[in-house]
Protein backbone atom coordinates (compact mmCIF):
# COMPACT_ATOMS: atom_id res chain seq x y z
CA MET A 1 0.01 0.01 0.01
CA LYS A 2 1.09 3.59 -0.65
CA LYS A 3 0.16 6.95 0.78
CA ILE A 4 -0.10 9.74 -1.72
CA GLU A 5 -0.05 13.32 -0.34
CA ALA A 6 -0.71 15.95 -2.99
CA ILE A 7 -0.43 19.77 -2.52
CA ILE A 8 -2.56 21.50 -5.14
CA LYS A 9 -4.14 24.83 -5.85
CA PRO A 10 -7.48 25.07 -4.01
CA PHE A 11 -9.59 25.84 -7.16
CA LYS A 12 -8.42 22.44 -8.60
CA LEU A 13 -9.94 20.34 -5.67
CA ASP A 14 -13.23 19.45 -7.23
CA ASP A 15 -11.58 18.42 -10.60
CA VAL A 16 -9.06 16.27 -8.85
CA ARG A 17 -11.74 14.68 -6.55
CA GLU A 18 -13.77 13.78 -9.59
CA ALA A 19 -10.87 12.41 -11.47
CA LEU A 20 -9.86 10.27 -8.50
CA ALA A 21 -13.31 8.99 -8.07
CA GLU A 22 -13.40 7.87 -11.75
CA VAL A 23 -10.26 5.72 -11.16
CA GLY A 24 -11.86 4.06 -8.18
CA VAL A 25 -10.73 6.15 -5.17
CA ASN A 26 -13.55 6.04 -2.49
CA GLY A 27 -11.97 8.04 0.20
CA MET A 28 -9.39 10.80 1.02
CA THR A 29 -8.57 13.41 3.62
CA VAL A 30 -8.47 17.01 2.55
CA SER A 31 -6.88 19.80 4.53
CA GLU A 32 -6.53 23.52 3.88
CA VAL A 33 -2.80 24.40 4.30
CA LYS A 34 -0.44 27.31 3.60
CA GLY A 35 3.02 27.26 2.22
CA PHE A 36 5.44 28.29 -0.35
CA GLY A 37 8.13 26.93 -2.55
CA ARG A 38 9.72 28.41 -5.67
CA GLN A 39 6.49 30.53 -6.00
CA LYS A 40 7.69 32.36 -2.87
CA GLY A 41 4.77 34.76 -2.16
CA HIS A 42 3.26 37.89 -3.46
CA THR A 43 2.51 41.46 -2.53
CA GLU A 44 -1.09 42.58 -2.00
CA LEU A 45 -2.64 45.92 -1.34
CA TYR A 46 -5.01 46.41 1.55
CA ARG A 47 -6.56 49.75 2.46
CA GLY A 48 -3.76 51.53 0.59
CA ALA A 49 -0.94 49.65 2.33
CA GLU A 50 1.20 47.03 0.55
CA TYR A 51 2.06 43.91 2.43
CA MET A 52 3.79 40.61 1.63
CA VAL A 53 1.87 37.31 1.57
CA ASP A 54 4.49 34.72 2.38
CA PHE A 55 2.37 31.64 2.74
CA LEU A 56 -0.01 30.87 -0.09
CA PRO A 57 -3.25 29.01 0.42
CA LYS A 58 -3.10 25.28 -0.94
CA VAL A 59 -5.07 22.17 -0.36
CA LYS A 60 -3.49 18.91 0.81
CA LEU A 61 -5.00 15.56 -0.29
CA GLU A 62 -4.11 12.39 1.50
CA LEU A 63 -5.07 8.99 0.23
CA ILE A 64 -4.03 5.37 0.78
CA VAL A 65 -4.18 3.21 -2.33
CA GLN A 66 -3.12 -0.36 -3.24
CA ASP A 67 0.14 -0.58 -5.16
CA ASP A 68 -1.70 -1.49 -8.34
CA ASP A 69 -3.70 1.70 -8.18
CA LEU A 70 -0.79 4.03 -7.63
CA GLU A 71 0.09 5.17 -11.13
CA ARG A 72 -3.54 5.65 -12.17
CA CYS A 73 -4.06 7.93 -9.13
CA ILE A 74 -0.89 9.90 -9.77
CA ASP A 75 -1.89 10.35 -13.46
CA ALA A 76 -5.40 11.52 -12.50
CA ILE A 77 -3.92 14.10 -10.12
CA MET A 78 -1.26 15.24 -12.62
CA GLN A 79 -3.80 15.70 -15.52
CA THR A 80 -6.33 17.57 -13.53
CA ALA A 81 -4.29 19.63 -11.07
CA GLN A 82 -1.70 21.03 -13.72
CA THR A 83 -2.22 24.58 -14.89
CA GLY A 84 1.28 24.97 -16.31
CA LYS A 85 1.99 27.84 -14.05
CA ILE A 86 4.23 28.11 -11.07
CA GLY A 87 2.64 26.86 -7.86
CA ASP A 88 0.84 23.86 -9.26
CA GLY A 89 2.05 21.73 -6.24
CA LYS A 90 3.76 18.50 -5.54
CA ILE A 91 2.94 14.84 -5.00
CA PHE A 92 4.62 12.74 -2.34
CA VAL A 93 4.36 8.97 -2.33
CA THR A 94 5.35 6.92 0.76
CA ASP A 95 5.05 3.26 1.87
CA VAL A 96 2.25 2.33 4.36
CA GLN A 97 3.09 -0.58 6.61
CA ARG A 98 -0.42 -1.19 8.10
CA VAL A 99 -3.94 0.24 8.04
CA ILE A 100 -6.57 -0.59 10.62
CA ARG A 101 -10.23 0.42 10.47
CA ILE A 102 -11.13 1.38 14.03
CA ARG A 103 -14.82 0.48 13.79
CA THR A 104 -14.40 -3.14 12.60
CA GLY A 105 -10.75 -4.01 13.25
CA GLU A 106 -10.33 -4.75 9.47
CA GLU A 107 -6.76 -4.40 8.34
CA ASN A 108 -4.76 -3.33 5.37
CA GLU A 109 -6.58 -3.67 1.90
CA GLU A 110 -9.89 -4.48 3.62
CA ALA A 111 -9.56 -1.35 5.69
CA ILE A 112 -8.93 1.00 2.74
């Protein structure tokens, strides 16, 4: 099993969610996060005063998938989250040792 963490632009969330549902993903965790990378930040104007916005709003998706589904999920995220502009985000993939559904005690693939 693998854990996919994807940091994407907030306005792409619905498109990515729909694309993942089409490839069979039936659950994920979504968090509103802030951060920056090469995009750095930007300057905004508020009541006539300029100020620097260092941390940009992003959305973080977390999902656990079986190894066989990994590439389909990554492709779905890539195709729908990409705008071609700086700040499109990142995808991180890590191994998952064990998953347990608290309600039933099911483990691993049965618990996903």
